[in-house]
Amino acid sequence: MARFKVMIERPVCISCESCVNICPEFWEMAPDGFSHLKDSKKVGENEEREVDDVSCNNDAAENCPATCIHVYDNGKRII
């Protein structure tokens, strides 16, 4: 089981592309114009991905003007 979980609340996304510019390894713009977390699973309207290394996702979450990206460490939200 991965230590970290990255999640995006897609309905809150404002399509600014900040996450894509900061962390293109994990983020891309979807055809609908909103951010997409690569290799994620859809959970309701949101997307989640478990990872062993949070990599640049902390920076993406901290710099998201819509605050719709969240990072969890062993189930506890850190961003």
N, C-alpha and C. Protein backbone atom coordinates (compact mmCIF):
# COMPACT_ATOMS: atom_id res chain seq x y z
N MET A 1 0.83 -1.18 0.00
CA MET A 1 0.00 0.00 0.00
C MET A 1 0.88 1.25 0.00
N ALA A 2 0.52 2.20 -0.83
CA ALA A 2 1.29 3.43 -0.95
C ALA A 2 1.11 4.30 0.29
N ARG A 3 2.12 5.05 0.58
CA ARG A 3 2.09 5.91 1.77
C ARG A 3 1.23 7.16 1.55
N PHE A 4 1.28 7.72 0.35
CA PHE A 4 0.61 8.99 0.07
C PHE A 4 -0.58 8.81 -0.85
N LYS A 5 -1.53 9.74 -0.72
CA LYS A 5 -2.64 9.81 -1.66
C LYS A 5 -2.75 11.26 -2.12
N VAL A 6 -2.89 11.44 -3.43
CA VAL A 6 -3.09 12.76 -4.01
C VAL A 6 -4.52 12.77 -4.53
N MET A 7 -5.22 13.87 -4.30
CA MET A 7 -6.62 13.96 -4.71
C MET A 7 -6.92 15.34 -5.28
N ILE A 8 -7.76 15.37 -6.30
CA ILE A 8 -8.23 16.65 -6.84
C ILE A 8 -9.75 16.68 -6.80
N GLU A 9 -10.28 17.79 -6.33
CA GLU A 9 -11.72 18.06 -6.39
C GLU A 9 -11.96 18.73 -7.74
N ARG A 10 -12.26 17.95 -8.74
CA ARG A 10 -12.37 18.49 -10.10
C ARG A 10 -13.44 19.57 -10.25
N PRO A 11 -14.60 19.49 -9.57
CA PRO A 11 -15.59 20.56 -9.73
C PRO A 11 -15.11 21.93 -9.24
N VAL A 12 -14.06 21.95 -8.43
CA VAL A 12 -13.53 23.20 -7.88
C VAL A 12 -12.41 23.77 -8.77
N CYS A 13 -11.84 22.95 -9.63
CA CYS A 13 -10.74 23.34 -10.51
C CYS A 13 -11.14 24.54 -11.38
N ILE A 14 -10.22 25.51 -11.52
CA ILE A 14 -10.48 26.70 -12.34
C ILE A 14 -9.67 26.69 -13.64
N SER A 15 -9.06 25.58 -13.97
CA SER A 15 -8.33 25.40 -15.24
C SER A 15 -7.15 26.35 -15.41
N CYS A 16 -6.47 26.67 -14.32
CA CYS A 16 -5.36 27.63 -14.39
C CYS A 16 -4.07 26.99 -14.91
N GLU A 17 -3.99 25.67 -14.89
CA GLU A 17 -2.83 24.88 -15.33
C GLU A 17 -1.62 25.00 -14.41
N SER A 18 -1.79 25.54 -13.23
CA SER A 18 -0.69 25.67 -12.29
C SER A 18 -0.08 24.31 -11.97
N CYS A 19 -0.92 23.33 -11.69
CA CYS A 19 -0.42 21.99 -11.35
C CYS A 19 0.34 21.36 -12.51
N VAL A 20 -0.13 21.59 -13.72
CA VAL A 20 0.53 21.05 -14.91
C VAL A 20 1.91 21.67 -15.08
N ASN A 21 2.01 22.96 -14.86
CA ASN A 21 3.29 23.65 -14.99
C ASN A 21 4.28 23.26 -13.90
N ILE A 22 3.78 23.02 -12.69
CA ILE A 22 4.64 22.69 -11.56
C ILE A 22 5.02 21.21 -11.54
N CYS A 23 4.09 20.35 -11.93
CA CYS A 23 4.27 18.91 -11.75
C CYS A 23 3.75 18.12 -12.96
N PRO A 24 4.34 18.33 -14.14
CA PRO A 24 3.83 17.67 -15.35
C PRO A 24 3.96 16.15 -15.34
N GLU A 25 4.78 15.61 -14.47
CA GLU A 25 4.90 14.15 -14.34
C GLU A 25 3.58 13.54 -13.89
N PHE A 26 2.80 14.29 -13.11
CA PHE A 26 1.56 13.78 -12.53
C PHE A 26 0.30 14.45 -13.10
N TRP A 27 0.42 15.64 -13.66
CA TRP A 27 -0.75 16.42 -14.05
C TRP A 27 -0.76 16.75 -15.53
N GLU A 28 -1.98 16.79 -16.10
CA GLU A 28 -2.19 17.23 -17.48
C GLU A 28 -3.58 17.84 -17.57
N MET A 29 -3.83 18.55 -18.64
CA MET A 29 -5.15 19.11 -18.86
C MET A 29 -5.98 18.08 -19.63
N ALA A 30 -7.17 17.82 -19.14
CA ALA A 30 -8.07 16.86 -19.76
C ALA A 30 -8.82 17.52 -20.91
N PRO A 31 -9.42 16.73 -21.79
CA PRO A 31 -10.19 17.30 -22.90
C PRO A 31 -11.31 18.25 -22.46
N ASP A 32 -11.83 18.07 -21.25
CA ASP A 32 -12.89 18.96 -20.77
C ASP A 32 -12.35 20.30 -20.26
N GLY A 33 -11.02 20.49 -20.32
CA GLY A 33 -10.42 21.76 -19.94
C GLY A 33 -10.00 21.87 -18.49
N PHE A 34 -10.22 20.82 -17.70
CA PHE A 34 -9.84 20.84 -16.30
C PHE A 34 -8.63 19.94 -16.06
N SER A 35 -7.98 20.14 -14.93
CA SER A 35 -6.80 19.34 -14.60
C SER A 35 -7.18 17.88 -14.40
N HIS A 36 -6.26 17.02 -14.80
CA HIS A 36 -6.43 15.58 -14.66
C HIS A 36 -5.18 15.01 -14.00
N LEU A 37 -5.39 14.22 -12.95
CA LEU A 37 -4.31 13.54 -12.26
C LEU A 37 -4.03 12.24 -13.01
N LYS A 38 -2.88 12.17 -13.65
CA LYS A 38 -2.53 11.01 -14.47
C LYS A 38 -2.59 9.71 -13.67
N ASP A 39 -3.05 8.66 -14.31
CA ASP A 39 -3.12 7.32 -13.71
C ASP A 39 -3.96 7.28 -12.44
N SER A 40 -4.94 8.15 -12.34
CA SER A 40 -5.78 8.21 -11.15
C SER A 40 -7.05 7.39 -11.36
N LYS A 41 -7.77 7.20 -10.26
CA LYS A 41 -9.08 6.56 -10.34
C LYS A 41 -10.12 7.61 -9.98
N LYS A 42 -11.25 7.50 -10.63
CA LYS A 42 -12.35 8.44 -10.38
C LYS A 42 -13.12 8.00 -9.15
N VAL A 43 -13.34 8.94 -8.24
CA VAL A 43 -14.11 8.70 -7.03
C VAL A 43 -15.17 9.80 -6.97
N GLY A 44 -16.37 9.48 -7.39
CA GLY A 44 -17.39 10.51 -7.52
C GLY A 44 -16.96 11.47 -8.62
N GLU A 45 -16.93 12.76 -8.31
CA GLU A 45 -16.47 13.76 -9.28
C GLU A 45 -14.98 14.05 -9.13
N ASN A 46 -14.35 13.43 -8.16
CA ASN A 46 -12.94 13.67 -7.87
C ASN A 46 -12.06 12.58 -8.47
N GLU A 47 -10.75 12.81 -8.42
CA GLU A 47 -9.77 11.83 -8.85
C GLU A 47 -8.77 11.61 -7.73
N GLU A 48 -8.32 10.36 -7.56
CA GLU A 48 -7.35 10.01 -6.53
C GLU A 48 -6.28 9.11 -7.10
N ARG A 49 -5.09 9.25 -6.55
CA ARG A 49 -3.98 8.38 -6.93
C ARG A 49 -3.10 8.13 -5.71
N GLU A 50 -2.79 6.87 -5.48
CA GLU A 50 -1.86 6.54 -4.39
C GLU A 50 -0.45 6.49 -4.96
N VAL A 51 0.49 7.06 -4.20
CA VAL A 51 1.89 7.13 -4.63
C VAL A 51 2.80 6.84 -3.45
N ASP A 52 3.97 6.30 -3.74
CA ASP A 52 4.97 6.06 -2.70
C ASP A 52 5.78 7.32 -2.41
N ASP A 53 5.93 8.17 -3.41
CA ASP A 53 6.71 9.40 -3.29
C ASP A 53 5.82 10.55 -3.74
N VAL A 54 5.59 11.51 -2.87
CA VAL A 54 4.68 12.61 -3.18
C VAL A 54 5.25 13.51 -4.29
N SER A 55 6.57 13.46 -4.49
CA SER A 55 7.24 14.20 -5.58
C SER A 55 6.84 15.67 -5.55
N CYS A 56 6.50 16.23 -6.69
CA CYS A 56 6.18 17.65 -6.80
C CYS A 56 4.71 17.95 -6.48
N ASN A 57 3.95 16.96 -6.05
CA ASN A 57 2.53 17.19 -5.76
C ASN A 57 2.31 18.13 -4.58
N ASN A 58 3.21 18.16 -3.62
CA ASN A 58 3.09 19.13 -2.53
C ASN A 58 3.11 20.55 -3.09
N ASP A 59 4.06 20.82 -3.99
CA ASP A 59 4.15 22.15 -4.60
C ASP A 59 2.91 22.46 -5.42
N ALA A 60 2.41 21.47 -6.16
CA ALA A 60 1.21 21.68 -6.96
C ALA A 60 0.03 22.03 -6.06
N ALA A 61 -0.12 21.32 -4.96
CA ALA A 61 -1.22 21.58 -4.04
C ALA A 61 -1.08 22.95 -3.36
N GLU A 62 0.13 23.27 -2.93
CA GLU A 62 0.35 24.54 -2.23
C GLU A 62 0.16 25.75 -3.15
N ASN A 63 0.39 25.58 -4.44
CA ASN A 63 0.29 26.69 -5.38
C ASN A 63 -1.02 26.73 -6.15
N CYS A 64 -1.92 25.80 -5.89
CA CYS A 64 -3.22 25.78 -6.57
C CYS A 64 -4.09 26.93 -6.04
N PRO A 65 -4.45 27.89 -6.90
CA PRO A 65 -5.25 29.03 -6.42
C PRO A 65 -6.66 28.63 -6.01
N ALA A 66 -7.15 27.50 -6.50
CA ALA A 66 -8.49 27.04 -6.14
C ALA A 66 -8.46 26.11 -4.92
N THR A 67 -7.29 25.79 -4.43
CA THR A 67 -7.08 24.86 -3.31
C THR A 67 -7.90 23.57 -3.47
N CYS A 68 -7.87 23.03 -4.69
CA CYS A 68 -8.64 21.81 -4.96
C CYS A 68 -7.78 20.55 -4.99
N ILE A 69 -6.47 20.69 -4.79
CA ILE A 69 -5.56 19.54 -4.75
C ILE A 69 -5.19 19.29 -3.29
N HIS A 70 -5.30 18.02 -2.88
CA HIS A 70 -5.01 17.66 -1.50
C HIS A 70 -4.04 16.49 -1.48
N VAL A 71 -3.16 16.50 -0.50
CA VAL A 71 -2.18 15.43 -0.31
C VAL A 71 -2.37 14.84 1.08
N TYR A 72 -2.41 13.52 1.14
CA TYR A 72 -2.58 12.80 2.40
C TYR A 72 -1.35 11.92 2.65
N ASP A 73 -0.93 11.88 3.90
CA ASP A 73 0.18 11.04 4.33
C ASP A 73 -0.37 10.02 5.31
N ASN A 74 -0.39 8.75 4.91
CA ASN A 74 -0.96 7.68 5.74
C ASN A 74 -2.36 8.03 6.24
N GLY A 75 -3.18 8.58 5.35
CA GLY A 75 -4.57 8.89 5.66
C GLY A 75 -4.81 10.24 6.29
N LYS A 76 -3.75 10.95 6.68
CA LYS A 76 -3.90 12.26 7.31
C LYS A 76 -3.61 13.36 6.27
N ARG A 77 -4.55 14.27 6.12
CA ARG A 77 -4.37 15.35 5.14
C ARG A 77 -3.25 16.28 5.60
N ILE A 78 -2.27 16.47 4.71
CA ILE A 78 -1.16 17.38 5.02
C ILE A 78 -1.26 18.66 4.22
N ILE A 79 -1.95 18.63 3.09
CA ILE A 79 -2.19 19.84 2.28
C ILE A 79 -3.61 19.76 1.75
